PDB file of N, CA and C in Angstrom:
ATOM      1  N   MET A   1      54.723  24.738  37.031  1.00  0.00           N
ATOM      2  CA  MET A   1      53.422  24.800  35.701  1.00  0.00           C
ATOM      3  C   MET A   1      53.230  23.305  35.498  1.00  0.00           C
ATOM      4  N   ARG A   2      51.597  22.780  35.255  1.00  0.00           N
ATOM      5  CA  ARG A   2      51.598  21.388  34.767  1.00  0.00           C
ATOM      6  C   ARG A   2      51.802  21.444  33.369  1.00  0.00           C
ATOM      7  N   VAL A   3      52.481  20.754  32.094  1.00  0.00           N
ATOM      8  CA  VAL A   3      52.533  20.810  30.837  1.00  0.00           C
ATOM      9  C   VAL A   3      51.101  19.469  30.838  1.00  0.00           C
ATOM     10  N   ASP A   4      50.448  19.938  30.231  1.00  0.00           N
ATOM     11  CA  ASP A   4      49.317  19.762  29.502  1.00  0.00           C
ATOM     12  C   ASP A   4      49.035  18.082  28.431  1.00  0.00           C
ATOM     13  N   LYS A   5      48.398  17.094  28.726  1.00  0.00           N
ATOM     14  CA  LYS A   5      48.597  15.906  27.795  1.00  0.00           C
ATOM     15  C   LYS A   5      47.464  16.519  26.588  1.00  0.00           C
ATOM     16  N   THR A   6      48.197  17.311  25.661  1.00  0.00           N
ATOM     17  CA  THR A   6      47.541  17.346  24.491  1.00  0.00           C
ATOM     18  C   THR A   6      47.565  16.636  23.622  1.00  0.00           C
ATOM     19  N   VAL A   7      47.211  16.623  22.202  1.00  0.00           N
ATOM     20  CA  VAL A   7      48.244  16.047  20.916  1.00  0.00           C
ATOM     21  C   VAL A   7      48.382  17.349  20.546  1.00  0.00           C
ATOM     22  N   GLU A   8      48.361  18.490  20.338  1.00  0.00           N
ATOM     23  CA  GLU A   8      49.315  19.380  20.440  1.00  0.00           C
ATOM     24  C   GLU A   8      50.353  19.511  20.869  1.00  0.00           C
ATOM     25  N   ASN A   9      50.871  19.354  21.921  1.00  0.00           N
ATOM     26  CA  ASN A   9      51.914  18.714  23.057  1.00  0.00           C
ATOM     27  C   ASN A   9      52.416  17.873  22.473  1.00  0.00           C
ATOM     28  N   ALA A  10      52.152  16.480  22.107  1.00  0.00           N
ATOM     29  CA  ALA A  10      52.850  15.913  22.319  1.00  0.00           C
ATOM     30  C   ALA A  10      53.373  15.375  20.374  1.00  0.00           C
ATOM     31  N   HIS A  11      52.847  16.431  19.573  1.00  0.00           N
ATOM     32  CA  HIS A  11      53.327  16.670  17.902  1.00  0.00           C
ATOM     33  C   HIS A  11      54.539  17.675  18.024  1.00  0.00           C
ATOM     34  N   GLU A  12      54.279  18.508  18.761  1.00  0.00           N
ATOM     35  CA  GLU A  12      55.770  19.863  19.749  1.00  0.00           C
ATOM     36  C   GLU A  12      56.789  19.217  20.043  1.00  0.00           C
ATOM     37  N   CYS A  13      56.258  17.929  20.808  1.00  0.00           N
ATOM     38  CA  CYS A  13      57.447  17.781  21.672  1.00  0.00           C
ATOM     39  C   CYS A  13      58.444  16.921  21.180  1.00  0.00           C
ATOM     40  N   GLN A  14      59.662  17.301  21.474  1.00  0.00           N
ATOM     41  CA  GLN A  14      60.830  17.190  21.254  1.00  0.00           C
ATOM     42  C   GLN A  14      61.555  15.599  21.648  1.00  0.00           C
ATOM     43  N   CYS A  15      61.019  15.362  22.406  1.00  0.00           N
ATOM     44  CA  CYS A  15      61.488  13.941  23.583  1.00  0.00           C
ATOM     45  C   CYS A  15      62.435  12.597  22.170  1.00  0.00           C
ATOM     46  N   LEU A  16      61.235  12.377  20.886  1.00  0.00           N
ATOM     47  CA  LEU A  16      61.922  11.335  20.320  1.00  0.00           C
ATOM     48  C   LEU A  16      63.290  11.689  19.821  1.00  0.00           C
ATOM     49  N   ASN A  17      63.554  12.890  19.304  1.00  0.00           N
ATOM     50  CA  ASN A  17      65.129  13.760  19.365  1.00  0.00           C
ATOM     51  C   ASN A  17      65.831  13.915  19.798  1.00  0.00           C
ATOM     52  N   CYS A  18      65.494  13.612  21.396  1.00  0.00           N
ATOM     53  CA  CYS A  18      67.037  13.691  22.423  1.00  0.00           C
ATOM     54  C   CYS A  18      67.715  12.548  22.348  1.00  0.00           C
ATOM     55  N   PRO A  19      69.107  12.622  22.012  1.00  0.00           N
ATOM     56  CA  PRO A  19      70.188  11.718  22.349  1.00  0.00           C
ATOM     57  C   PRO A  19      70.197  10.793  23.153  1.00  0.00           C
ATOM     58  N   SER A  20      69.367  11.135  24.007  1.00  0.00           N
ATOM     59  CA  SER A  20      69.330  10.340  25.387  1.00  0.00           C
ATOM     60  C   SER A  20      68.178   9.151  24.597  1.00  0.00           C
ATOM     61  N   TYR A  21      67.450   8.762  23.969  1.00  0.00           N
ATOM     62  CA  TYR A  21      66.284   8.559  23.657  1.00  0.00           C
ATOM     63  C   TYR A  21      66.742   7.851  22.456  1.00  0.00           C
ATOM     64  N   THR A  22      67.602   7.144  22.768  1.00  0.00           N
ATOM     65  CA  THR A  22      68.094   6.082  21.896  1.00  0.00           C
ATOM     66  C   THR A  22      67.329   5.180  20.777  1.00  0.00           C
ATOM     67  N   LYS A  23      67.692   4.837  20.019  1.00  0.00           N
ATOM     68  CA  LYS A  23      67.335   3.912  18.764  1.00  0.00           C
ATOM     69  C   LYS A  23      66.466   2.526  19.954  1.00  0.00           C
ATOM     70  N   THR A  24      67.497   1.422  20.549  1.00  0.00           N
ATOM     71  CA  THR A  24      66.989   0.770  21.009  1.00  0.00           C
ATOM     72  C   THR A  24      65.309   1.216  21.825  1.00  0.00           C
ATOM     73  N   CYS A  25      65.425   2.382  22.546  1.00  0.00           N
ATOM     74  CA  CYS A  25      64.127   2.544  23.692  1.00  0.00           C
ATOM     75  C   CYS A  25      63.288   2.471  22.641  1.00  0.00           C
ATOM     76  N   LYS A  26      63.618   3.438  20.972  1.00  0.00           N
ATOM     77  CA  LYS A  26      62.353   3.607  19.787  1.00  0.00           C
ATOM     78  C   LYS A  26      61.361   2.109  19.621  1.00  0.00           C
ATOM     79  N   ILE A  27      62.831   1.416  19.709  1.00  0.00           N
ATOM     80  CA  ILE A  27      62.061  -0.054  19.080  1.00  0.00           C
ATOM     81  C   ILE A  27      61.334  -0.628  20.174  1.00  0.00           C
ATOM     82  N   LYS A  28      61.706  -0.434  21.502  1.00  0.00           N
ATOM     83  CA  LYS A  28      61.908  -1.211  22.498  1.00  0.00           C
ATOM     84  C   LYS A  28      60.144  -0.995  22.978  1.00  0.00           C
ATOM     85  N   ASN A  29      60.138   0.582  22.841  1.00  0.00           N
ATOM     86  CA  ASN A  29      58.819   1.228  23.262  1.00  0.00           C
ATOM     87  C   ASN A  29      57.643   0.692  21.968  1.00  0.00           C
ATOM     88  N   ASN A  30      57.970   0.447  20.836  1.00  0.00           N
ATOM     89  CA  ASN A  30      57.177   0.908  19.503  1.00  0.00           C
ATOM     90  C   ASN A  30      56.458   1.898  19.728  1.00  0.00           C
ATOM     91  N   MET A  31      57.070   2.976  19.407  1.00  0.00           N
ATOM     92  CA  MET A  31      56.928   4.551  19.516  1.00  0.00           C
ATOM     93  C   MET A  31      55.166   4.514  19.112  1.00  0.00           C
ATOM     94  N   HIS A  32      54.198   5.315  19.302  1.00  0.00           N
ATOM     95  CA  HIS A  32      53.234   5.543  18.752  1.00  0.00           C
ATOM     96  C   HIS A  32      53.504   6.466  17.719  1.00  0.00           C
ATOM     97  N   THR A  33      52.426   6.490  17.450  1.00  0.00           N
ATOM     98  CA  THR A  33      52.067   7.185  15.919  1.00  0.00           C
ATOM     99  C   THR A  33      51.097   8.220  15.944  1.00  0.00           C
ATOM    100  N   PRO A  34      51.915   9.614  15.223  1.00  0.00           N
ATOM    101  CA  PRO A  34      51.013  10.876  15.871  1.00  0.00           C
ATOM    102  C   PRO A  34      49.004  10.168  16.164  1.00  0.00           C
ATOM    103  N   LEU A  35      48.104   9.375  15.349  1.00  0.00           N
ATOM    104  CA  LEU A  35      47.092   8.821  15.269  1.00  0.00           C
ATOM    105  C   LEU A  35      46.846   8.188  16.523  1.00  0.00           C
ATOM    106  N   ASP A  36      47.813   7.473  16.578  1.00  0.00           N
ATOM    107  CA  ASP A  36      47.478   6.608  18.730  1.00  0.00           C
ATOM    108  C   ASP A  36      47.814   7.083  19.464  1.00  0.00           C
ATOM    109  N   VAL A  37      48.166   8.483  19.151  1.00  0.00           N
ATOM    110  CA  VAL A  37      48.333   9.161  20.190  1.00  0.00           C
ATOM    111  C   VAL A  37      47.362  10.131  20.645  1.00  0.00           C
ATOM    112  N   ALA A  38      46.603  10.415  19.242  1.00  0.00           N
ATOM    113  CA  ALA A  38      45.260  11.418  19.152  1.00  0.00           C
ATOM    114  C   ALA A  38      43.862  10.446  19.599  1.00  0.00           C
ATOM    115  N   GLU A  39      43.971   9.221  19.210  1.00  0.00           N
ATOM    116  CA  GLU A  39      43.283   7.828  19.688  1.00  0.00           C
ATOM    117  C   GLU A  39      43.349   7.344  21.853  1.00  0.00           C
ATOM    118  N   ARG A  40      44.764   7.657  22.065  1.00  0.00           N
ATOM    119  CA  ARG A  40      44.889   6.890  23.801  1.00  0.00           C
ATOM    120  C   ARG A  40      45.246   8.293  24.032  1.00  0.00           C
ATOM    121  N   ILE A  41      44.828   9.532  23.660  1.00  0.00           N
ATOM    122  CA  ILE A  41      45.288  10.623  24.725  1.00  0.00           C
ATOM    123  C   ILE A  41      44.598  10.499  26.349  1.00  0.00           C
ATOM    124  N   ASP A  42      43.522  10.397  26.469  1.00  0.00           N
ATOM    125  CA  ASP A  42      42.328  10.119  27.417  1.00  0.00           C
ATOM    126  C   ASP A  42      42.511   9.006  28.450  1.00  0.00           C
ATOM    127  N   ASN A  43      43.474   8.338  27.747  1.00  0.00           N
ATOM    128  CA  ASN A  43      43.759   7.342  28.815  1.00  0.00           C
ATOM    129  C   ASN A  43      45.082   6.314  29.044  1.00  0.00           C
ATOM    130  N   ASP A  44      45.859   6.607  28.308  1.00  0.00           N
ATOM    131  CA  ASP A  44      47.043   6.319  28.244  1.00  0.00           C
ATOM    132  C   ASP A  44      48.059   7.254  30.249  1.00  0.00           C
ATOM    133  N   GLU A  45      47.925   6.189  30.982  1.00  0.00           N
ATOM    134  CA  GLU A  45      48.888   7.221  31.988  1.00  0.00           C
ATOM    135  C   GLU A  45      49.943   7.486  31.702  1.00  0.00           C
ATOM    136  N   HIS A  46      50.444   6.670  30.806  1.00  0.00           N
ATOM    137  CA  HIS A  46      52.249   7.073  30.365  1.00  0.00           C
ATOM    138  C   HIS A  46      52.570   7.032  29.321  1.00  0.00           C
ATOM    139  N   TRP A  47      53.282   7.551  28.743  1.00  0.00           N
ATOM    140  CA  TRP A  47      54.087   7.236  27.025  1.00  0.00           C
ATOM    141  C   TRP A  47      55.140   7.743  27.166  1.00  0.00           C
ATOM    142  N   GLU A  48      56.303   6.559  25.893  1.00  0.00           N
ATOM    143  CA  GLU A  48      57.993   7.576  26.024  1.00  0.00           C
ATOM    144  C   GLU A  48      58.165   8.530  24.882  1.00  0.00           C
ATOM    145  N   LEU A  49      57.317   9.555  25.533  1.00  0.00           N
ATOM    146  CA  LEU A  49      57.802  11.090  24.950  1.00  0.00           C
ATOM    147  C   LEU A  49      56.580  11.688  25.896  1.00  0.00           C
ATOM    148  N   LEU A  50      56.742  13.178  25.805  1.00  0.00           N
ATOM    149  CA  LEU A  50      56.533  14.500  26.583  1.00  0.00           C
ATOM    150  C   LEU A  50      56.441  14.179  27.926  1.00  0.00           C
ATOM    151  N   PHE A  51      57.880  13.536  28.690  1.00  0.00           N
ATOM    152  CA  PHE A  51      57.809  13.217  29.705  1.00  0.00           C
ATOM    153  C   PHE A  51      57.912  14.620  30.685  1.00  0.00           C
ATOM    154  N   CYS A  52      57.880  15.659  30.214  1.00  0.00           N
ATOM    155  CA  CYS A  52      57.972  17.226  31.509  1.00  0.00           C
ATOM    156  C   CYS A  52      56.109  16.990  31.557  1.00  0.00           C
ATOM    157  N   ALA A  53      55.161  16.288  30.823  1.00  0.00           N
ATOM    158  CA  ALA A  53      53.929  16.489  30.518  1.00  0.00           C
ATOM    159  C   ALA A  53      53.574  14.664  31.569  1.00  0.00           C
ATOM    160  N   MET A  54      54.118  14.256  31.673  1.00  0.00           N
ATOM    161  CA  MET A  54      53.931  12.452  31.868  1.00  0.00           C
ATOM    162  C   MET A  54      54.601  12.481  33.113  1.00  0.00           C
ATOM    163  N   ASP A  55      55.572  11.440  32.847  1.00  0.00           N
ATOM    164  CA  ASP A  55      56.422  10.558  33.934  1.00  0.00           C
ATOM    165  C   ASP A  55      57.987  10.580  33.451  1.00  0.00           C
ATOM    166  N   LYS A  56      58.840   9.970  33.938  1.00  0.00           N
ATOM    167  CA  LYS A  56      60.321   9.838  33.700  1.00  0.00           C
ATOM    168  C   LYS A  56      59.925   8.687  32.671  1.00  0.00           C
ATOM    169  N   SER A  57      60.993   8.377  31.750  1.00  0.00           N
ATOM    170  CA  SER A  57      61.372   7.151  31.277  1.00  0.00           C
ATOM    171  C   SER A  57      61.599   6.352  31.699  1.00  0.00           C
ATOM    172  N   ASN A  58      60.672   4.950  31.605  1.00  0.00           N
ATOM    173  CA  ASN A  58      61.024   3.811  31.831  1.00  0.00           C
ATOM    174  C   ASN A  58      62.152   3.199  30.587  1.00  0.00           C
ATOM    175  N   CYS A  59      62.842   3.601  30.179  1.00  0.00           N
ATOM    176  CA  CYS A  59      64.132   2.964  29.245  1.00  0.00           C
ATOM    177  C   CYS A  59      64.648   4.295  29.142  1.00  0.00           C
ATOM    178  N   ILE A  60      65.231   4.980  29.574  1.00  0.00           N
ATOM    179  CA  ILE A  60      66.269   5.863  29.446  1.00  0.00           C
ATOM    180  C   ILE A  60      66.628   5.667  30.763  1.00  0.00           C
ATOM    181  N   HIS A  61      68.031   5.825  30.903  1.00  0.00           N
ATOM    182  CA  HIS A  61      68.907   5.795  32.652  1.00  0.00           C
ATOM    183  C   HIS A  61      70.109   6.394  32.277  1.00  0.00           C
ATOM    184  N   GLU A  62      70.475   6.667  30.921  1.00  0.00           N
ATOM    185  CA  GLU A  62      71.571   7.435  30.935  1.00  0.00           C
ATOM    186  C   GLU A  62      71.442   9.034  30.515  1.00  0.00           C
ATOM    187  N   ASN A  63      71.710  10.167  30.610  1.00  0.00           N
ATOM    188  CA  ASN A  63      71.385  11.351  30.273  1.00  0.00           C
ATOM    189  C   ASN A  63      72.712  11.189  28.844  1.00  0.00           C
ATOM    190  N   ARG A  64      72.311  11.208  27.654  1.00  0.00           N
ATOM    191  CA  ARG A  64      73.165  11.884  26.420  1.00  0.00           C
ATOM    192  C   ARG A  64      73.194  12.835  26.399  1.00  0.00           C
ATOM    193  N   GLY A  65      72.707  14.002  26.601  1.00  0.00           N
ATOM    194  CA  GLY A  65      72.512  14.923  25.832  1.00  0.00           C
ATOM    195  C   GLY A  65      71.028  15.402  26.321  1.00  0.00           C
ATOM    196  N   CYS A  66      70.586  16.728  26.366  1.00  0.00           N
ATOM    197  CA  CYS A  66      69.429  16.882  26.591  1.00  0.00           C
ATOM    198  C   CYS A  66      68.638  17.825  25.900  1.00  0.00           C
ATOM    199  N   LYS A  67      67.590  17.874  25.417  1.00  0.00           N
ATOM    200  CA  LYS A  67      66.961  18.903  24.174  1.00  0.00           C
ATOM    201  C   LYS A  67      65.889  19.393  24.440  1.00  0.00           C
ATOM    202  N   CYS A  68      65.341  19.877  25.916  1.00  0.00           N
ATOM    203  CA  CYS A  68      64.260  19.944  26.514  1.00  0.00           C
ATOM    204  C   CYS A  68      64.609  22.156  26.493  1.00  0.00           C
ATOM    205  N   MET A  69      65.466  22.340  26.463  1.00  0.00           N
ATOM    206  CA  MET A  69      65.623  24.069  26.763  1.00  0.00           C
ATOM    207  C   MET A  69      65.459  23.930  25.185  1.00  0.00           C
ATOM    208  N   ASP A  70      65.564  23.507  24.161  1.00  0.00           N
ATOM    209  CA  ASP A  70      65.451  23.580  22.671  1.00  0.00           C
ATOM    210  C   ASP A  70      63.735  23.587  21.812  1.00  0.00           C
ATOM    211  N   CYS A  71      62.635  22.331  23.191  1.00  0.00           N
ATOM    212  CA  CYS A  71      61.497  22.345  23.083  1.00  0.00           C
ATOM    213  C   CYS A  71      60.472  23.206  22.828  1.00  0.00           C
ATOM    214  N   PRO A  72      59.477  23.265  21.655  1.00  0.00           N
ATOM    215  CA  PRO A  72      58.857  24.064  21.762  1.00  0.00           C
ATOM    216  C   PRO A  72      57.665  24.316  23.187  1.00  0.00           C
ATOM    217  N   VAL A  73      57.525  22.776  23.304  1.00  0.00           N
ATOM    218  CA  VAL A  73      56.220  22.426  24.807  1.00  0.00           C
ATOM    219  C   VAL A  73      57.409  23.086  26.040  1.00  0.00           C
ATOM    220  N   HIS A  74      59.037  23.120  26.175  1.00  0.00           N
ATOM    221  CA  HIS A  74      58.970  23.665  27.292  1.00  0.00           C
ATOM    222  C   HIS A  74      59.045  24.919  27.131  1.00  0.00           C
ATOM    223  N   LYS A  75      59.368  25.520  26.247  1.00  0.00           N
ATOM    224  CA  LYS A  75      59.554  27.304  26.237  1.00  0.00           C
ATOM    225  C   LYS A  75      57.874  27.690  26.162  1.00  0.00           C
ATOM    226  N   LYS A  76      56.508  27.055  25.969  1.00  0.00           N
ATOM    227  CA  LYS A  76      55.164  27.285  25.628  1.00  0.00           C
ATOM    228  C   LYS A  76      54.883  27.363  27.243  1.00  0.00           C
ATOM    229  N   TYR A  77      55.477  26.737  28.384  1.00  0.00           N
ATOM    230  CA  TYR A  77      54.900  26.626  30.058  1.00  0.00           C
ATOM    231  C   TYR A  77      55.795  26.735  30.312  1.00  0.00           C
ATOM    232  N   ALA A  78      56.722  27.828  29.716  1.00  0.00           N
ATOM    233  CA  ALA A  78      57.975  28.344  30.966  1.00  0.00           C
ATOM    234  C   ALA A  78      59.074  27.550  31.869  1.00  0.00           C
ATOM    235  N   LEU A  79      58.943  26.425  31.114  1.00  0.00           N
ATOM    236  CA  LEU A  79      59.411  25.655  31.768  1.00  0.00           C
ATOM    237  C   LEU A  79      60.987  25.401  32.248  1.00  0.00           C
ATOM    238  N   ASN A  80      61.700  25.726  33.657  1.00  0.00           N
ATOM    239  CA  ASN A  80      62.916  25.922  33.814  1.00  0.00           C
ATOM    240  C   ASN A  80      63.813  24.789  34.544  1.00  0.00           C
ATOM    241  N   ASN A  81      63.559  23.804  34.186  1.00  0.00           N
ATOM    242  CA  ASN A  81      64.205  22.831  34.330  1.00  0.00           C
ATOM    243  C   ASN A  81      64.587  21.858  33.231  1.00  0.00           C
ATOM    244  N   GLU A  82      65.482  20.723  32.929  1.00  0.00           N
ATOM    245  CA  GLU A  82      65.766  19.437  32.066  1.00  0.00           C
ATOM    246  C   GLU A  82      65.786  18.406  32.695  1.00  0.00           C
ATOM    247  N   ASP A  83      65.764  17.442  31.584  1.00  0.00           N
ATOM    248  CA  ASP A  83      65.758  16.100  32.147  1.00  0.00           C
ATOM    249  C   ASP A  83      64.695  15.478  32.702  1.00  0.00           C
ATOM    250  N   TYR A  84      63.906  15.696  32.148  1.00  0.00           N
ATOM    251  CA  TYR A  84      62.813  15.434  32.299  1.00  0.00           C
ATOM    252  C   TYR A  84      62.282  13.501  31.665  1.00  0.00           C
ATOM    253  N   CYS A  85      63.453  13.320  31.146  1.00  0.00           N
ATOM    254  CA  CYS A  85      62.966  11.728  30.694  1.00  0.00           C
ATOM    255  C   CYS A  85      63.736  10.995  32.108  1.00  0.00           C
ATOM    256  N   LEU A  86      64.514  11.527  33.123  1.00  0.00           N
ATOM    257  CA  LEU A  86      65.178  10.768  33.662  1.00  0.00           C
ATOM    258  C   LEU A  86      64.797  11.396  35.599  1.00  0.00           C
ATOM    259  N   HIS A  87      64.201  12.008  35.187  1.00  0.00           N
ATOM    260  CA  HIS A  87      63.399  12.580  36.899  1.00  0.00           C
ATOM    261  C   HIS A  87      61.643  13.160  36.822  1.00  0.00           C
ATOM    262  N   THR A  88      61.402  12.307  37.425  1.00  0.00           N
ATOM    263  CA  THR A  88      59.553  13.255  37.763  1.00  0.00           C
ATOM    264  C   THR A  88      59.958  14.599  37.378  1.00  0.00           C
ATOM    265  N   GLY A  89      59.224  15.457  36.737  1.00  0.00           N
ATOM    266  CA  GLY A  89      59.312  17.020  37.463  1.00  0.00           C
ATOM    267  C   GLY A  89      60.954  17.694  36.930  1.00  0.00           C
ATOM    268  N   GLY A  90      61.995  17.017  36.781  1.00  0.00           N
ATOM    269  CA  GLY A  90      63.034  17.441  36.219  1.00  0.00           C
ATOM    270  C   GLY A  90      63.837  17.604  37.259  1.00  0.00           C
ATOM    271  N   VAL A  91      65.155  18.189  36.712  1.00  0.00           N
ATOM    272  CA  VAL A  91      66.440  18.193  38.064  1.00  0.00           C
ATOM    273  C   VAL A  91      66.072  19.740  38.284  1.00  0.00           C
ATOM    274  N   TYR A  92      65.838  20.159  39.560  1.00  0.00           N
ATOM    275  CA  TYR A  92      65.951  21.224  39.644  1.00  0.00           C
ATOM    276  C   TYR A  92      67.587  21.793  40.965  1.00  0.00           C
TER     277      TYR A  92
END
C-alpha cells in the first residue's frame, strides 16, 4: 500500500527518532520544521523522513536499529516491511 505524503503523516513519522538516523544526519540534512513540511509538501520529491512514503535515505547507510514497527504511520497503512531508510520499499 502506498503511504500518502501528508503533513499528518509527517508529524506522526518516527524516522527522526530512529537510532539509525544519527545526529550527523540531522545536522547534514537540516531537518525541516513542521511548518516547512506543510509549506513544501507538494513540491519536494524527497525528505529525510517519512521514508515509507518517499525513498530511501540519502544519509543513512547502516542499520543501528529500526522503529518502523512502532510507528503510527506504519500501523495506519498496515505495512509489513521495515528499513525503509535503507531500501526503497523496505526489506521484503
